[in-house]
Amino acid sequence: SFYIYKKLAEKELQFSTIARGVSIGDELQYADEVTLGRSISNRIPLRY
């Protein structure tokens, strides 16, 4: 992810991680609507 972040950061894009509620490796299609909504609205800016 760091390599991709560095390559795309040159394009002045903003990156964020999904907040609480969705575990790493989980399929987003199985997350319920409320959990997914909260995770997206509370996402955290990604900084290396």
PDB file of N, CA and C in Angstrom:
ATOM      1  N   SER A   1       0.821  -1.192   0.000  1.00  0.00           N
ATOM      2  CA  SER A   1       0.000   0.000   0.000  1.00  0.00           C
ATOM      3  C   SER A   1       0.866   1.257   0.000  1.00  0.00           C
ATOM      4  N   PHE A   2       2.037   1.197   0.618  1.00  0.00           N
ATOM      5  CA  PHE A   2       2.916   2.367   0.669  1.00  0.00           C
ATOM      6  C   PHE A   2       3.378   2.758  -0.734  1.00  0.00           C
ATOM      7  N   TYR A   3       3.739   1.781  -1.554  1.00  0.00           N
ATOM      8  CA  TYR A   3       4.193   2.047  -2.919  1.00  0.00           C
ATOM      9  C   TYR A   3       3.086   2.741  -3.717  1.00  0.00           C
ATOM     10  N   ILE A   4       1.890   2.217  -3.637  1.00  0.00           N
ATOM     11  CA  ILE A   4       0.758   2.807  -4.356  1.00  0.00           C
ATOM     12  C   ILE A   4       0.477   4.209  -3.832  1.00  0.00           C
ATOM     13  N   TYR A   5       0.507   4.368  -2.516  1.00  0.00           N
ATOM     14  CA  TYR A   5       0.288   5.680  -1.903  1.00  0.00           C
ATOM     15  C   TYR A   5       1.286   6.699  -2.440  1.00  0.00           C
ATOM     16  N   LYS A   6       2.558   6.351  -2.460  1.00  0.00           N
ATOM     17  CA  LYS A   6       3.597   7.269  -2.917  1.00  0.00           C
ATOM     18  C   LYS A   6       3.420   7.622  -4.397  1.00  0.00           C
ATOM     19  N   LYS A   7       3.089   6.645  -5.215  1.00  0.00           N
ATOM     20  CA  LYS A   7       2.903   6.903  -6.643  1.00  0.00           C
ATOM     21  C   LYS A   7       1.693   7.809  -6.899  1.00  0.00           C
ATOM     22  N   LEU A   8       0.615   7.577  -6.210  1.00  0.00           N
ATOM     23  CA  LEU A   8      -0.594   8.357  -6.432  1.00  0.00           C
ATOM     24  C   LEU A   8      -0.583   9.689  -5.693  1.00  0.00           C
ATOM     25  N   ALA A   9       0.213   9.817  -4.650  1.00  0.00           N
ATOM     26  CA  ALA A   9       0.295  11.065  -3.893  1.00  0.00           C
ATOM     27  C   ALA A   9       0.826  12.198  -4.767  1.00  0.00           C
ATOM     28  N   GLU A  10       1.609  11.865  -5.761  1.00  0.00           N
ATOM     29  CA  GLU A  10       2.127  12.870  -6.689  1.00  0.00           C
ATOM     30  C   GLU A  10       0.992  13.536  -7.465  1.00  0.00           C
ATOM     31  N   LYS A  11      -0.139  12.912  -7.540  1.00  0.00           N
ATOM     32  CA  LYS A  11      -1.292  13.419  -8.282  1.00  0.00           C
ATOM     33  C   LYS A  11      -2.215  14.264  -7.404  1.00  0.00           C
ATOM     34  N   GLU A  12      -1.792  14.565  -6.187  1.00  0.00           N
ATOM     35  CA  GLU A  12      -2.543  15.384  -5.233  1.00  0.00           C
ATOM     36  C   GLU A  12      -3.919  14.797  -4.904  1.00  0.00           C
ATOM     37  N   LEU A  13      -3.975  13.491  -4.729  1.00  0.00           N
ATOM     38  CA  LEU A  13      -5.195  12.813  -4.311  1.00  0.00           C
ATOM     39  C   LEU A  13      -5.198  12.690  -2.799  1.00  0.00           C
ATOM     40  N   GLN A  14      -6.377  12.597  -2.217  1.00  0.00           N
ATOM     41  CA  GLN A  14      -6.489  12.370  -0.785  1.00  0.00           C
ATOM     42  C   GLN A  14      -6.774  10.893  -0.550  1.00  0.00           C
ATOM     43  N   PHE A  15      -6.132  10.329   0.468  1.00  0.00           N
ATOM     44  CA  PHE A  15      -6.307   8.929   0.818  1.00  0.00           C
ATOM     45  C   PHE A  15      -6.846   8.838   2.231  1.00  0.00           C
ATOM     46  N   SER A  16      -7.681   7.837   2.472  1.00  0.00           N
ATOM     47  CA  SER A  16      -8.184   7.613   3.823  1.00  0.00           C
ATOM     48  C   SER A  16      -8.378   6.119   4.032  1.00  0.00           C
ATOM     49  N   THR A  17      -8.411   5.745   5.300  1.00  0.00           N
ATOM     50  CA  THR A  17      -8.686   4.359   5.652  1.00  0.00           C
ATOM     51  C   THR A  17     -10.102   4.279   6.209  1.00  0.00           C
ATOM     52  N   ILE A  18     -10.729   3.142   6.042  1.00  0.00           N
ATOM     53  CA  ILE A  18     -12.057   2.945   6.619  1.00  0.00           C
ATOM     54  C   ILE A  18     -11.904   2.875   8.134  1.00  0.00           C
ATOM     55  N   ALA A  19     -12.772   3.549   8.832  1.00  0.00           N
ATOM     56  CA  ALA A  19     -12.709   3.601  10.292  1.00  0.00           C
ATOM     57  C   ALA A  19     -13.196   2.297  10.912  1.00  0.00           C
ATOM     58  N   ARG A  20     -13.551   2.334  12.164  1.00  0.00           N
ATOM     59  CA  ARG A  20     -13.975   1.140  12.903  1.00  0.00           C
ATOM     60  C   ARG A  20     -15.185   0.451  12.278  1.00  0.00           C
ATOM     61  N   GLY A  21     -15.276  -0.826  12.555  1.00  0.00           N
ATOM     62  CA  GLY A  21     -16.466  -1.569  12.169  1.00  0.00           C
ATOM     63  C   GLY A  21     -16.253  -2.569  11.060  1.00  0.00           C
ATOM     64  N   VAL A  22     -15.260  -2.328  10.215  1.00  0.00           N
ATOM     65  CA  VAL A  22     -14.977  -3.247   9.117  1.00  0.00           C
ATOM     66  C   VAL A  22     -13.561  -3.765   9.309  1.00  0.00           C
ATOM     67  N   SER A  23     -13.436  -5.051   9.530  1.00  0.00           N
ATOM     68  CA  SER A  23     -12.124  -5.646   9.773  1.00  0.00           C
ATOM     69  C   SER A  23     -11.318  -5.736   8.486  1.00  0.00           C
ATOM     70  N   ILE A  24     -10.010  -5.700   8.628  1.00  0.00           N
ATOM     71  CA  ILE A  24      -9.125  -5.869   7.480  1.00  0.00           C
ATOM     72  C   ILE A  24      -9.368  -7.252   6.886  1.00  0.00           C
ATOM     73  N   GLY A  25      -9.552  -7.311   5.603  1.00  0.00           N
ATOM     74  CA  GLY A  25      -9.777  -8.582   4.922  1.00  0.00           C
ATOM     75  C   GLY A  25     -11.240  -8.976   4.802  1.00  0.00           C
ATOM     76  N   ASP A  26     -12.132  -8.250   5.478  1.00  0.00           N
ATOM     77  CA  ASP A  26     -13.563  -8.555   5.362  1.00  0.00           C
ATOM     78  C   ASP A  26     -14.087  -8.140   3.993  1.00  0.00           C
ATOM     79  N   GLU A  27     -15.089  -8.836   3.535  1.00  0.00           N
ATOM     80  CA  GLU A  27     -15.751  -8.491   2.281  1.00  0.00           C
ATOM     81  C   GLU A  27     -16.765  -7.385   2.563  1.00  0.00           C
ATOM     82  N   LEU A  28     -16.648  -6.267   1.866  1.00  0.00           N
ATOM     83  CA  LEU A  28     -17.566  -5.148   2.091  1.00  0.00           C
ATOM     84  C   LEU A  28     -19.000  -5.504   1.739  1.00  0.00           C
ATOM     85  N   GLN A  29     -19.191  -6.448   0.844  1.00  0.00           N
ATOM     86  CA  GLN A  29     -20.552  -6.820   0.456  1.00  0.00           C
ATOM     87  C   GLN A  29     -21.316  -7.465   1.606  1.00  0.00           C
ATOM     88  N   TYR A  30     -20.609  -7.954   2.633  1.00  0.00           N
ATOM     89  CA  TYR A  30     -21.270  -8.592   3.772  1.00  0.00           C
ATOM     90  C   TYR A  30     -21.446  -7.646   4.957  1.00  0.00           C
ATOM     91  N   ALA A  31     -20.926  -6.424   4.867  1.00  0.00           N
ATOM     92  CA  ALA A  31     -21.085  -5.456   5.960  1.00  0.00           C
ATOM     93  C   ALA A  31     -22.499  -4.880   5.905  1.00  0.00           C
ATOM     94  N   ASP A  32     -23.113  -4.702   7.071  1.00  0.00           N
ATOM     95  CA  ASP A  32     -24.456  -4.132   7.072  1.00  0.00           C
ATOM     96  C   ASP A  32     -24.383  -2.632   6.771  1.00  0.00           C
ATOM     97  N   GLU A  33     -25.502  -2.077   6.384  1.00  0.00           N
ATOM     98  CA  GLU A  33     -25.576  -0.697   5.917  1.00  0.00           C
ATOM     99  C   GLU A  33     -25.134   0.315   6.974  1.00  0.00           C
ATOM    100  N   VAL A  34     -25.546   0.134   8.214  1.00  0.00           N
ATOM    101  CA  VAL A  34     -25.205   1.073   9.283  1.00  0.00           C
ATOM    102  C   VAL A  34     -23.707   1.039   9.574  1.00  0.00           C
ATOM    103  N   THR A  35     -23.139  -0.149   9.705  1.00  0.00           N
ATOM    104  CA  THR A  35     -21.705  -0.285   9.981  1.00  0.00           C
ATOM    105  C   THR A  35     -20.879   0.323   8.864  1.00  0.00           C
ATOM    106  N   LEU A  36     -21.229   0.024   7.640  1.00  0.00           N
ATOM    107  CA  LEU A  36     -20.489   0.553   6.502  1.00  0.00           C
ATOM    108  C   LEU A  36     -20.614   2.076   6.424  1.00  0.00           C
ATOM    109  N   GLY A  37     -21.796   2.594   6.658  1.00  0.00           N
ATOM    110  CA  GLY A  37     -22.014   4.047   6.645  1.00  0.00           C
ATOM    111  C   GLY A  37     -21.186   4.758   7.695  1.00  0.00           C
ATOM    112  N   ARG A  38     -21.152   4.214   8.902  1.00  0.00           N
ATOM    113  CA  ARG A  38     -20.347   4.818   9.975  1.00  0.00           C
ATOM    114  C   ARG A  38     -18.859   4.737   9.662  1.00  0.00           C
ATOM    115  N   SER A  39     -18.434   3.626   9.103  1.00  0.00           N
ATOM    116  CA  SER A  39     -17.021   3.454   8.765  1.00  0.00           C
ATOM    117  C   SER A  39     -16.574   4.464   7.718  1.00  0.00           C
ATOM    118  N   ILE A  40     -17.417   4.716   6.759  1.00  0.00           N
ATOM    119  CA  ILE A  40     -17.062   5.668   5.702  1.00  0.00           C
ATOM    120  C   ILE A  40     -17.105   7.102   6.219  1.00  0.00           C
ATOM    121  N   SER A  41     -18.124   7.447   6.993  1.00  0.00           N
ATOM    122  CA  SER A  41     -18.232   8.829   7.477  1.00  0.00           C
ATOM    123  C   SER A  41     -17.170   9.170   8.516  1.00  0.00           C
ATOM    124  N   ASN A  42     -16.611   8.171   9.181  1.00  0.00           N
ATOM    125  CA  ASN A  42     -15.577   8.412  10.197  1.00  0.00           C
ATOM    126  C   ASN A  42     -14.192   7.984   9.732  1.00  0.00           C
ATOM    127  N   ARG A  43     -13.980   7.935   8.421  1.00  0.00           N
ATOM    128  CA  ARG A  43     -12.688   7.482   7.908  1.00  0.00           C
ATOM    129  C   ARG A  43     -11.561   8.415   8.351  1.00  0.00           C
ATOM    130  N   ILE A  44     -10.367   7.886   8.316  1.00  0.00           N
ATOM    131  CA  ILE A  44      -9.187   8.561   8.853  1.00  0.00           C
ATOM    132  C   ILE A  44      -8.214   8.859   7.710  1.00  0.00           C
ATOM    133  N   PRO A  45      -7.709  10.109   7.619  1.00  0.00           N
ATOM    134  CA  PRO A  45      -6.725  10.416   6.570  1.00  0.00           C
ATOM    135  C   PRO A  45      -5.507   9.501   6.679  1.00  0.00           C
ATOM    136  N   LEU A  46      -5.047   8.999   5.557  1.00  0.00           N
ATOM    137  CA  LEU A  46      -3.893   8.109   5.518  1.00  0.00           C
ATOM    138  C   LEU A  46      -2.634   8.938   5.353  1.00  0.00           C
ATOM    139  N   ARG A  47      -1.688   8.746   6.256  1.00  0.00           N
ATOM    140  CA  ARG A  47      -0.411   9.461   6.196  1.00  0.00           C
ATOM    141  C   ARG A  47       0.705   8.485   6.482  1.00  0.00           C
ATOM    142  N   TYR A  48       1.748   8.556   5.684  1.00  0.00           N
ATOM    143  CA  TYR A  48       2.931   7.727   5.905  1.00  0.00           C
ATOM    144  C   TYR A  48       4.081   8.596   6.314  1.00  0.00           C
TER     145      TYR A  48
END
